[in-house]
Amino acid sequence: MKLKSVQEILEAEVIVGKDSLSIEVKNGCGSDLMSDVLAYGKPNSLLLTGLTNPQVIRTAEMADISAIVFVRGKVPPKETIALAKEKQIPILTTQFSMLESCGRLYQEGLLS
């Protein structure tokens, strides 16, 4: 699924990576436990999380996550945004909850 489709399905705002909406995400992963993302995340996945600290970007880099969506309308701090830009990891934010975001994406064909 293209990141542009994710943006549309989740009615998301792009914070970093407006020029990266054509990238393909193969799977989705919804978690606030970064240890679970490292243990179970798959390469080229989309991470949905409520955590907004810079550690999320570091974890995404280590787990080869393609993009991050912050749920519940959360906006990351400047440090997280700067690190995402540096690492070229697109980040979006949606008003939907984690459950609804994952459900909408799954319904549209994004696998876990």
Protein backbone atom coordinates (compact mmCIF):
# COMPACT_ATOMS: atom_id res chain seq x y z
CA MET A 1 0.00 0.00 0.00
CA LYS A 2 1.33 3.43 -0.90
CA LEU A 3 1.89 5.90 1.94
CA LYS A 4 -0.45 8.29 0.09
CA SER A 5 -3.25 5.73 0.53
CA VAL A 6 -2.44 5.49 4.24
CA GLN A 7 -2.68 9.27 4.49
CA GLU A 8 -6.09 9.27 2.80
CA ILE A 9 -7.52 6.33 4.75
CA LEU A 10 -6.45 7.80 8.08
CA GLU A 11 -7.18 11.42 7.10
CA ALA A 12 -3.65 12.05 8.31
CA GLU A 13 -1.47 15.12 8.24
CA VAL A 14 2.07 14.65 6.95
CA ILE A 15 4.63 16.10 9.35
CA VAL A 16 7.79 14.83 7.65
CA GLY A 17 8.13 13.36 4.17
CA LYS A 18 5.57 15.05 1.95
CA ASP A 19 7.78 14.01 -0.97
CA SER A 20 7.78 10.37 0.20
CA LEU A 21 4.09 9.54 -0.19
CA SER A 22 4.83 7.22 -3.10
CA ILE A 23 6.76 4.73 -0.94
CA GLU A 24 5.24 1.29 -0.49
CA VAL A 25 4.54 -0.15 2.96
CA LYS A 26 4.13 -3.91 3.03
CA ASN A 27 2.76 -4.45 6.55
CA GLY A 28 1.43 -2.56 9.55
CA CYS A 29 2.48 -2.70 13.18
CA GLY A 30 0.56 -0.98 15.97
CA SER A 31 2.47 -0.75 19.24
CA ASP A 32 3.56 1.55 22.04
CA LEU A 33 6.17 -0.97 23.17
CA MET A 34 9.30 -0.37 21.14
CA SER A 35 10.70 -3.71 22.35
CA ASP A 36 7.78 -5.41 20.55
CA VAL A 37 8.51 -3.43 17.40
CA LEU A 38 12.12 -4.62 17.51
CA ALA A 39 11.08 -8.21 18.21
CA TYR A 40 8.13 -8.54 15.83
CA GLY A 41 8.32 -5.67 13.34
CA LYS A 42 8.85 -6.52 9.71
CA PRO A 43 11.00 -4.56 7.23
CA ASN A 44 9.19 -1.99 5.08
CA SER A 45 6.32 -1.77 7.57
CA LEU A 46 4.22 1.11 8.80
CA LEU A 47 4.41 1.75 12.55
CA LEU A 48 1.35 3.15 14.31
CA THR A 49 2.06 4.42 17.81
CA GLY A 50 1.05 6.89 20.49
CA LEU A 51 4.64 7.46 21.58
CA THR A 52 6.21 10.62 20.21
CA ASN A 53 9.71 10.63 21.68
CA PRO A 54 12.88 10.39 19.57
CA GLN A 55 13.31 6.74 20.60
CA VAL A 56 10.47 5.89 18.19
CA ILE A 57 12.58 7.13 15.28
CA ARG A 58 15.64 5.22 16.51
CA THR A 59 13.56 2.06 16.84
CA ALA A 60 12.08 2.54 13.37
CA GLU A 61 15.56 2.92 11.93
CA MET A 62 16.79 -0.27 13.62
CA ALA A 63 13.70 -2.26 12.59
CA ASP A 64 13.74 -0.96 9.00
CA ILE A 65 10.31 0.65 9.42
CA SER A 66 9.34 2.69 6.34
CA ALA A 67 7.06 5.28 7.99
CA ILE A 68 5.38 6.19 11.28
CA VAL A 69 1.84 7.31 12.05
CA PHE A 70 1.17 8.93 15.41
CA VAL A 71 -2.37 8.15 16.57
CA ARG A 72 -4.87 10.08 18.73
CA GLY A 73 -3.83 13.39 17.19
CA LYS A 74 -0.43 13.36 18.83
CA VAL A 75 2.20 15.69 17.42
CA PRO A 76 5.84 14.82 18.12
CA PRO A 77 8.25 17.28 19.74
CA LYS A 78 10.83 19.19 17.69
CA GLU A 79 13.58 16.68 18.56
CA THR A 80 11.58 13.80 17.10
CA ILE A 81 10.74 15.75 13.96
CA ALA A 82 14.38 16.75 13.47
CA LEU A 83 15.56 13.15 13.87
CA ALA A 84 12.91 11.88 11.43
CA LYS A 85 14.10 14.42 8.87
CA GLU A 86 17.72 13.41 9.44
CA LYS A 87 16.91 9.70 9.07
CA GLN A 88 14.46 10.36 6.21
CA ILE A 89 11.61 8.53 7.92
CA PRO A 90 8.19 9.95 7.02
CA ILE A 91 5.90 10.74 9.93
CA LEU A 92 2.17 11.42 9.88
CA THR A 93 -0.45 12.09 12.53
CA THR A 94 -4.10 11.04 12.63
CA GLN A 95 -6.96 11.87 14.97
CA PHE A 96 -8.10 8.23 14.98
CA SER A 97 -7.30 5.88 17.86
CA MET A 98 -4.81 3.05 17.48
CA LEU A 99 -7.65 0.51 17.18
CA GLU A 100 -9.55 2.44 14.55
CA SER A 101 -6.40 3.28 12.58
CA CYS A 102 -5.26 -0.35 12.47
CA GLY A 103 -8.78 -1.51 11.63
CA ARG A 104 -9.18 0.94 8.76
CA LEU A 105 -5.82 -0.03 7.24
CA TYR A 106 -6.48 -3.76 7.67
CA GLN A 107 -9.87 -3.38 6.05
CA GLU A 108 -8.19 -1.73 3.07
CA GLY A 109 -5.73 -4.60 2.68
CA LEU A 110 -2.67 -3.72 4.79
CA LEU A 111 -1.42 -6.91 6.42
CA SER A 112 0.01 -7.32 9.91
